[in-house]
Amino acid sequence: MSFFDKAKDKLSDAVDKHGDKISQGIDKAAAEADKRTGGKHADKIRNASAKAKDALDKLDKKDDGDLGPGSTPGNPGTPPR
């Protein structure tokens, strides 16, 4: 197993354990960025946040019922097609 495979496994384990907190952090960072820019870049911030959450979902090894991009606890996001 290569160094990168080991690193990806460790990262995936961390996402499995703390994915909800990481997702909340992404939401908080996006809200703060939107606030500091006065909403001028809200669409770009929203897209970046969605891409970050998609990447987080790809690292999540558990089958925990994620429903798709932008999903957070209490907000199922966009169902996959």
PDB file of N, CA and C in Angstrom:
ATOM      1  N   MET A   1       0.847  -1.167   0.000  1.00  0.00           N
ATOM      2  CA  MET A   1       0.000   0.000   0.000  1.00  0.00           C
ATOM      3  C   MET A   1       0.899   1.239   0.000  1.00  0.00           C
ATOM      4  N   SER A   2       0.634   2.167  -0.905  1.00  0.00           N
ATOM      5  CA  SER A   2       1.464   3.356  -1.031  1.00  0.00           C
ATOM      6  C   SER A   2       1.135   4.377   0.062  1.00  0.00           C
ATOM      7  N   PHE A   3       1.982   5.357   0.145  1.00  0.00           N
ATOM      8  CA  PHE A   3       1.800   6.438   1.114  1.00  0.00           C
ATOM      9  C   PHE A   3       0.451   7.124   0.897  1.00  0.00           C
ATOM     10  N   PHE A   4       0.092   7.379  -0.359  1.00  0.00           N
ATOM     11  CA  PHE A   4      -1.149   8.083  -0.646  1.00  0.00           C
ATOM     12  C   PHE A   4      -2.373   7.241  -0.299  1.00  0.00           C
ATOM     13  N   ASP A   5      -2.285   5.953  -0.508  1.00  0.00           N
ATOM     14  CA  ASP A   5      -3.388   5.075  -0.123  1.00  0.00           C
ATOM     15  C   ASP A   5      -3.596   5.083   1.389  1.00  0.00           C
ATOM     16  N   LYS A   6      -2.506   5.043   2.129  1.00  0.00           N
ATOM     17  CA  LYS A   6      -2.597   5.095   3.595  1.00  0.00           C
ATOM     18  C   LYS A   6      -3.175   6.423   4.048  1.00  0.00           C
ATOM     19  N   ALA A   7      -2.722   7.512   3.421  1.00  0.00           N
ATOM     20  CA  ALA A   7      -3.212   8.841   3.791  1.00  0.00           C
ATOM     21  C   ALA A   7      -4.706   8.961   3.492  1.00  0.00           C
ATOM     22  N   LYS A   8      -5.131   8.446   2.347  1.00  0.00           N
ATOM     23  CA  LYS A   8      -6.550   8.509   1.996  1.00  0.00           C
ATOM     24  C   LYS A   8      -7.385   7.677   2.968  1.00  0.00           C
ATOM     25  N   ASP A   9      -6.884   6.522   3.376  1.00  0.00           N
ATOM     26  CA  ASP A   9      -7.603   5.703   4.351  1.00  0.00           C
ATOM     27  C   ASP A   9      -7.754   6.424   5.687  1.00  0.00           C
ATOM     28  N   LYS A  10      -6.685   7.078   6.135  1.00  0.00           N
ATOM     29  CA  LYS A  10      -6.760   7.813   7.405  1.00  0.00           C
ATOM     30  C   LYS A  10      -7.728   8.985   7.292  1.00  0.00           C
ATOM     31  N   LEU A  11      -7.695   9.674   6.154  1.00  0.00           N
ATOM     32  CA  LEU A  11      -8.607  10.792   5.947  1.00  0.00           C
ATOM     33  C   LEU A  11     -10.051  10.301   5.894  1.00  0.00           C
ATOM     34  N   SER A  12     -10.281   9.192   5.233  1.00  0.00           N
ATOM     35  CA  SER A  12     -11.622   8.623   5.158  1.00  0.00           C
ATOM     36  C   SER A  12     -12.133   8.216   6.543  1.00  0.00           C
ATOM     37  N   ASP A  13     -11.247   7.663   7.363  1.00  0.00           N
ATOM     38  CA  ASP A  13     -11.637   7.308   8.733  1.00  0.00           C
ATOM     39  C   ASP A  13     -12.028   8.549   9.525  1.00  0.00           C
ATOM     40  N   ALA A  14     -11.274   9.626   9.362  1.00  0.00           N
ATOM     41  CA  ALA A  14     -11.588  10.875  10.062  1.00  0.00           C
ATOM     42  C   ALA A  14     -12.932  11.429   9.598  1.00  0.00           C
ATOM     43  N   VAL A  15     -13.203  11.341   8.308  1.00  0.00           N
ATOM     44  CA  VAL A  15     -14.483  11.811   7.776  1.00  0.00           C
ATOM     45  C   VAL A  15     -15.618  10.946   8.302  1.00  0.00           C
ATOM     46  N   ASP A  16     -15.406   9.635   8.399  1.00  0.00           N
ATOM     47  CA  ASP A  16     -16.434   8.751   8.953  1.00  0.00           C
ATOM     48  C   ASP A  16     -16.798   9.152  10.379  1.00  0.00           C
ATOM     49  N   LYS A  17     -15.794   9.505  11.157  1.00  0.00           N
ATOM     50  CA  LYS A  17     -16.021   9.841  12.566  1.00  0.00           C
ATOM     51  C   LYS A  17     -16.528  11.253  12.771  1.00  0.00           C
ATOM     52  N   HIS A  18     -16.075  12.203  11.943  1.00  0.00           N
ATOM     53  CA  HIS A  18     -16.340  13.613  12.205  1.00  0.00           C
ATOM     54  C   HIS A  18     -16.955  14.351  11.024  1.00  0.00           C
ATOM     55  N   GLY A  19     -17.547  13.630  10.087  1.00  0.00           N
ATOM     56  CA  GLY A  19     -18.102  14.241   8.883  1.00  0.00           C
ATOM     57  C   GLY A  19     -19.153  15.294   9.160  1.00  0.00           C
ATOM     58  N   ASP A  20     -19.997  15.055  10.164  1.00  0.00           N
ATOM     59  CA  ASP A  20     -21.038  16.027  10.476  1.00  0.00           C
ATOM     60  C   ASP A  20     -20.443  17.339  10.976  1.00  0.00           C
ATOM     61  N   LYS A  21     -19.401  17.257  11.780  1.00  0.00           N
ATOM     62  CA  LYS A  21     -18.756  18.471  12.284  1.00  0.00           C
ATOM     63  C   LYS A  21     -18.016  19.200  11.169  1.00  0.00           C
ATOM     64  N   ILE A  22     -17.403  18.449  10.261  1.00  0.00           N
ATOM     65  CA  ILE A  22     -16.713  19.055   9.138  1.00  0.00           C
ATOM     66  C   ILE A  22     -17.724  19.776   8.246  1.00  0.00           C
ATOM     67  N   SER A  23     -18.872  19.161   8.015  1.00  0.00           N
ATOM     68  CA  SER A  23     -19.918  19.765   7.199  1.00  0.00           C
ATOM     69  C   SER A  23     -20.433  21.059   7.838  1.00  0.00           C
ATOM     70  N   GLN A  24     -20.591  21.029   9.152  1.00  0.00           N
ATOM     71  CA  GLN A  24     -21.026  22.239   9.858  1.00  0.00           C
ATOM     72  C   GLN A  24     -19.976  23.337   9.736  1.00  0.00           C
ATOM     73  N   GLY A  25     -18.700  22.947   9.766  1.00  0.00           N
ATOM     74  CA  GLY A  25     -17.621  23.919   9.602  1.00  0.00           C
ATOM     75  C   GLY A  25     -17.633  24.549   8.219  1.00  0.00           C
ATOM     76  N   ILE A  26     -17.923  23.741   7.216  1.00  0.00           N
ATOM     77  CA  ILE A  26     -18.034  24.264   5.852  1.00  0.00           C
ATOM     78  C   ILE A  26     -19.168  25.287   5.785  1.00  0.00           C
ATOM     79  N   ASP A  27     -20.306  24.961   6.396  1.00  0.00           N
ATOM     80  CA  ASP A  27     -21.447  25.886   6.410  1.00  0.00           C
ATOM     81  C   ASP A  27     -21.103  27.193   7.121  1.00  0.00           C
ATOM     82  N   LYS A  28     -20.420  27.093   8.266  1.00  0.00           N
ATOM     83  CA  LYS A  28     -20.042  28.290   9.018  1.00  0.00           C
ATOM     84  C   LYS A  28     -19.063  29.156   8.230  1.00  0.00           C
ATOM     85  N   ALA A  29     -18.089  28.510   7.588  1.00  0.00           N
ATOM     86  CA  ALA A  29     -17.115  29.261   6.791  1.00  0.00           C
ATOM     87  C   ALA A  29     -17.797  29.951   5.618  1.00  0.00           C
ATOM     88  N   ALA A  30     -18.731  29.266   4.977  1.00  0.00           N
ATOM     89  CA  ALA A  30     -19.452  29.864   3.855  1.00  0.00           C
ATOM     90  C   ALA A  30     -20.292  31.053   4.315  1.00  0.00           C
ATOM     91  N   ALA A  31     -20.962  30.907   5.446  1.00  0.00           N
ATOM     92  CA  ALA A  31     -21.780  32.003   5.971  1.00  0.00           C
ATOM     93  C   ALA A  31     -20.917  33.212   6.324  1.00  0.00           C
ATOM     94  N   GLU A  32     -19.763  32.963   6.920  1.00  0.00           N
ATOM     95  CA  GLU A  32     -18.862  34.062   7.283  1.00  0.00           C
ATOM     96  C   GLU A  32     -18.302  34.743   6.037  1.00  0.00           C
ATOM     97  N   ALA A  33     -17.919  33.963   5.040  1.00  0.00           N
ATOM     98  CA  ALA A  33     -17.408  34.546   3.790  1.00  0.00           C
ATOM     99  C   ALA A  33     -18.482  35.381   3.111  1.00  0.00           C
ATOM    100  N   ASP A  34     -19.719  34.895   3.115  1.00  0.00           N
ATOM    101  CA  ASP A  34     -20.825  35.641   2.512  1.00  0.00           C
ATOM    102  C   ASP A  34     -21.062  36.944   3.265  1.00  0.00           C
ATOM    103  N   LYS A  35     -20.983  36.857   4.579  1.00  0.00           N
ATOM    104  CA  LYS A  35     -21.181  38.046   5.409  1.00  0.00           C
ATOM    105  C   LYS A  35     -20.096  39.091   5.139  1.00  0.00           C
ATOM    106  N   ARG A  36     -18.840  38.646   5.075  1.00  0.00           N
ATOM    107  CA  ARG A  36     -17.730  39.576   4.892  1.00  0.00           C
ATOM    108  C   ARG A  36     -17.680  40.190   3.496  1.00  0.00           C
ATOM    109  N   THR A  37     -18.246  39.517   2.519  1.00  0.00           N
ATOM    110  CA  THR A  37     -18.275  40.070   1.168  1.00  0.00           C
ATOM    111  C   THR A  37     -19.579  40.809   0.892  1.00  0.00           C
ATOM    112  N   GLY A  38     -20.429  40.901   1.885  1.00  0.00           N
ATOM    113  CA  GLY A  38     -21.689  41.618   1.725  1.00  0.00           C
ATOM    114  C   GLY A  38     -22.654  40.950   0.762  1.00  0.00           C
ATOM    115  N   GLY A  39     -22.500  39.656   0.570  1.00  0.00           N
ATOM    116  CA  GLY A  39     -23.392  38.921  -0.310  1.00  0.00           C
ATOM    117  C   GLY A  39     -23.076  39.071  -1.794  1.00  0.00           C
ATOM    118  N   LYS A  40     -21.992  39.788  -2.117  1.00  0.00           N
ATOM    119  CA  LYS A  40     -21.644  40.034  -3.517  1.00  0.00           C
ATOM    120  C   LYS A  40     -21.254  38.762  -4.257  1.00  0.00           C
ATOM    121  N   HIS A  41     -20.759  37.775  -3.543  1.00  0.00           N
ATOM    122  CA  HIS A  41     -20.292  36.541  -4.168  1.00  0.00           C
ATOM    123  C   HIS A  41     -21.036  35.320  -3.633  1.00  0.00           C
ATOM    124  N   ALA A  42     -22.283  35.512  -3.261  1.00  0.00           N
ATOM    125  CA  ALA A  42     -23.064  34.447  -2.627  1.00  0.00           C
ATOM    126  C   ALA A  42     -23.155  33.200  -3.498  1.00  0.00           C
ATOM    127  N   ASP A  43     -23.345  33.382  -4.795  1.00  0.00           N
ATOM    128  CA  ASP A  43     -23.475  32.216  -5.673  1.00  0.00           C
ATOM    129  C   ASP A  43     -22.168  31.428  -5.765  1.00  0.00           C
ATOM    130  N   LYS A  44     -21.042  32.110  -5.828  1.00  0.00           N
ATOM    131  CA  LYS A  44     -19.740  31.433  -5.882  1.00  0.00           C
ATOM    132  C   LYS A  44     -19.434  30.733  -4.568  1.00  0.00           C
ATOM    133  N   ILE A  45     -19.778  31.370  -3.460  1.00  0.00           N
ATOM    134  CA  ILE A  45     -19.559  30.775  -2.141  1.00  0.00           C
ATOM    135  C   ILE A  45     -20.433  29.528  -1.992  1.00  0.00           C
ATOM    136  N   ARG A  46     -21.669  29.606  -2.425  1.00  0.00           N
ATOM    137  CA  ARG A  46     -22.596  28.472  -2.349  1.00  0.00           C
ATOM    138  C   ARG A  46     -22.070  27.304  -3.194  1.00  0.00           C
ATOM    139  N   ASN A  47     -21.579  27.609  -4.399  1.00  0.00           N
ATOM    140  CA  ASN A  47     -21.036  26.551  -5.264  1.00  0.00           C
ATOM    141  C   ASN A  47     -19.799  25.906  -4.646  1.00  0.00           C
ATOM    142  N   ALA A  48     -18.912  26.721  -4.086  1.00  0.00           N
ATOM    143  CA  ALA A  48     -17.702  26.184  -3.456  1.00  0.00           C
ATOM    144  C   ALA A  48     -18.057  25.313  -2.253  1.00  0.00           C
ATOM    145  N   SER A  49     -19.035  25.742  -1.487  1.00  0.00           N
ATOM    146  CA  SER A  49     -19.485  24.969  -0.332  1.00  0.00           C
ATOM    147  C   SER A  49     -20.058  23.622  -0.776  1.00  0.00           C
ATOM    148  N   ALA A  50     -20.841  23.626  -1.830  1.00  0.00           N
ATOM    149  CA  ALA A  50     -21.423  22.388  -2.350  1.00  0.00           C
ATOM    150  C   ALA A  50     -20.328  21.445  -2.851  1.00  0.00           C
ATOM    151  N   LYS A  51     -19.313  21.985  -3.527  1.00  0.00           N
ATOM    152  CA  LYS A  51     -18.215  21.154  -4.014  1.00  0.00           C
ATOM    153  C   LYS A  51     -17.416  20.563  -2.858  1.00  0.00           C
ATOM    154  N   ALA A  52     -17.222  21.349  -1.807  1.00  0.00           N
ATOM    155  CA  ALA A  52     -16.507  20.847  -0.633  1.00  0.00           C
ATOM    156  C   ALA A  52     -17.287  19.709   0.020  1.00  0.00           C
ATOM    157  N   LYS A  53     -18.595  19.844   0.096  1.00  0.00           N
ATOM    158  CA  LYS A  53     -19.422  18.793   0.683  1.00  0.00           C
ATOM    159  C   LYS A  53     -19.459  17.553  -0.209  1.00  0.00           C
ATOM    160  N   ASP A  54     -19.430  17.750  -1.520  1.00  0.00           N
ATOM    161  CA  ASP A  54     -19.355  16.602  -2.432  1.00  0.00           C
ATOM    162  C   ASP A  54     -18.066  15.836  -2.213  1.00  0.00           C
ATOM    163  N   ALA A  55     -16.964  16.560  -2.076  1.00  0.00           N
ATOM    164  CA  ALA A  55     -15.675  15.912  -1.825  1.00  0.00           C
ATOM    165  C   ALA A  55     -15.708  15.174  -0.487  1.00  0.00           C
ATOM    166  N   LEU A  56     -16.348  15.766   0.489  1.00  0.00           N
ATOM    167  CA  LEU A  56     -16.493  15.127   1.794  1.00  0.00           C
ATOM    168  C   LEU A  56     -17.285  13.826   1.673  1.00  0.00           C
ATOM    169  N   ASP A  57     -18.352  13.851   0.890  1.00  0.00           N
ATOM    170  CA  ASP A  57     -19.160  12.643   0.681  1.00  0.00           C
ATOM    171  C   ASP A  57     -18.357  11.550  -0.017  1.00  0.00           C
ATOM    172  N   LYS A  58     -17.491  11.926  -0.930  1.00  0.00           N
ATOM    173  CA  LYS A  58     -16.675  10.935  -1.636  1.00  0.00           C
ATOM    174  C   LYS A  58     -15.673  10.262  -0.704  1.00  0.00           C
ATOM    175  N   LEU A  59     -15.242  10.971   0.326  1.00  0.00           N
ATOM    176  CA  LEU A  59     -14.302  10.406   1.283  1.00  0.00           C
ATOM    177  C   LEU A  59     -14.995   9.580   2.357  1.00  0.00           C
ATOM    178  N   ASP A  60     -16.296   9.731   2.470  1.00  0.00           N
ATOM    179  CA  ASP A  60     -17.064   9.022   3.495  1.00  0.00           C
ATOM    180  C   ASP A  60     -17.270   7.583   3.057  1.00  0.00           C
ATOM    181  N   LYS A  61     -16.670   6.641   3.791  1.00  0.00           N
ATOM    182  CA  LYS A  61     -16.758   5.227   3.429  1.00  0.00           C
ATOM    183  C   LYS A  61     -18.041   4.576   3.942  1.00  0.00           C
ATOM    184  N   LYS A  62     -18.682   5.150   4.943  1.00  0.00           N
ATOM    185  CA  LYS A  62     -19.874   4.531   5.514  1.00  0.00           C
ATOM    186  C   LYS A  62     -21.065   4.673   4.573  1.00  0.00           C
ATOM    187  N   ASP A  63     -21.959   3.734   4.655  1.00  0.00           N
ATOM    188  CA  ASP A  63     -23.235   3.841   3.963  1.00  0.00           C
ATOM    189  C   ASP A  63     -24.225   4.376   4.991  1.00  0.00           C
ATOM    190  N   ASP A  64     -24.213   5.704   5.157  1.00  0.00           N
ATOM    191  CA  ASP A  64     -25.020   6.296   6.218  1.00  0.00           C
ATOM    192  C   ASP A  64     -26.236   7.054   5.685  1.00  0.00           C
ATOM    193  N   GLY A  65     -26.625   6.763   4.459  1.00  0.00           N
ATOM    194  CA  GLY A  65     -27.852   7.353   3.944  1.00  0.00           C
ATOM    195  C   GLY A  65     -27.690   8.747   3.394  1.00  0.00           C
ATOM    196  N   ASP A  66     -26.486   9.157   3.037  1.00  0.00           N
ATOM    197  CA  ASP A  66     -26.323  10.464   2.410  1.00  0.00           C
ATOM    198  C   ASP A  66     -27.187  10.506   1.162  1.00  0.00           C
ATOM    199  N   LEU A  67     -27.876  11.610   0.989  1.00  0.00           N
ATOM    200  CA  LEU A  67     -28.799  11.698  -0.126  1.00  0.00           C
ATOM    201  C   LEU A  67     -28.257  12.473  -1.306  1.00  0.00           C
ATOM    202  N   GLY A  68     -27.098  13.061  -1.186  1.00  0.00           N
ATOM    203  CA  GLY A  68     -26.541  13.739  -2.341  1.00  0.00           C
ATOM    204  C   GLY A  68     -25.883  15.044  -2.004  1.00  0.00           C
ATOM    205  N   PRO A  69     -25.525  15.803  -3.029  1.00  0.00           N
ATOM    206  CA  PRO A  69     -24.802  17.052  -2.844  1.00  0.00           C
ATOM    207  C   PRO A  69     -25.562  18.033  -1.965  1.00  0.00           C
ATOM    208  N   GLY A  70     -24.859  18.695  -1.097  1.00  0.00           N
ATOM    209  CA  GLY A  70     -25.454  19.707  -0.250  1.00  0.00           C
ATOM    210  C   GLY A  70     -26.239  19.172   0.917  1.00  0.00           C
ATOM    211  N   SER A  71     -26.196  17.882   1.169  1.00  0.00           N
ATOM    212  CA  SER A  71     -26.970  17.328   2.267  1.00  0.00           C
ATOM    213  C   SER A  71     -26.292  17.610   3.591  1.00  0.00           C
ATOM    214  N   THR A  72     -27.099  17.989   4.563  1.00  0.00           N
ATOM    215  CA  THR A  72     -26.647  18.218   5.929  1.00  0.00           C
ATOM    216  C   THR A  72     -27.696  17.637   6.851  1.00  0.00           C
ATOM    217  N   PRO A  73     -27.374  17.463   8.132  1.00  0.00           N
ATOM    218  CA  PRO A  73     -28.403  16.962   9.044  1.00  0.00           C
ATOM    219  C   PRO A  73     -29.638  17.863   9.011  1.00  0.00           C
ATOM    220  N   GLY A  74     -30.782  17.297   8.755  1.00  0.00           N
ATOM    221  CA  GLY A  74     -32.022  18.063   8.687  1.00  0.00           C
ATOM    222  C   GLY A  74     -32.298  18.647   7.307  1.00  0.00           C
ATOM    223  N   ASN A  75     -31.323  18.583   6.394  1.00  0.00           N
ATOM    224  CA  ASN A  75     -31.497  19.089   5.043  1.00  0.00           C
ATOM    225  C   ASN A  75     -30.955  18.052   4.082  1.00  0.00           C
ATOM    226  N   PRO A  76     -31.835  17.269   3.433  1.00  0.00           N
ATOM    227  CA  PRO A  76     -31.359  16.165   2.617  1.00  0.00           C
ATOM    228  C   PRO A  76     -30.615  16.569   1.363  1.00  0.00           C
ATOM    229  N   GLY A  77     -30.648  17.822   0.963  1.00  0.00           N
ATOM    230  CA  GLY A  77     -29.917  18.237  -0.230  1.00  0.00           C
ATOM    231  C   GLY A  77     -30.595  17.760  -1.487  1.00  0.00           C
ATOM    232  N   THR A  78     -29.822  17.590  -2.527  1.00  0.00           N
ATOM    233  CA  THR A  78     -30.328  17.172  -3.814  1.00  0.00           C
ATOM    234  C   THR A  78     -30.184  15.666  -3.968  1.00  0.00           C
ATOM    235  N   PRO A  79     -31.270  14.948  -4.178  1.00  0.00           N
ATOM    236  CA  PRO A  79     -31.154  13.504  -4.344  1.00  0.00           C
ATOM    237  C   PRO A  79     -30.374  13.152  -5.603  1.00  0.00           C
ATOM    238  N   PRO A  80     -29.610  12.057  -5.584  1.00  0.00           N
ATOM    239  CA  PRO A  80     -28.865  11.666  -6.780  1.00  0.00           C
ATOM    240  C   PRO A  80     -29.790  11.209  -7.883  1.00  0.00           C
ATOM    241  N   ARG A  81     -29.350  11.309  -9.130  1.00  0.00           N
ATOM    242  CA  ARG A  81     -30.175  10.890 -10.277  1.00  0.00           C
ATOM    243  C   ARG A  81     -29.722   9.571 -10.776  1.00  0.00           C
TER     244      ARG A  81
END
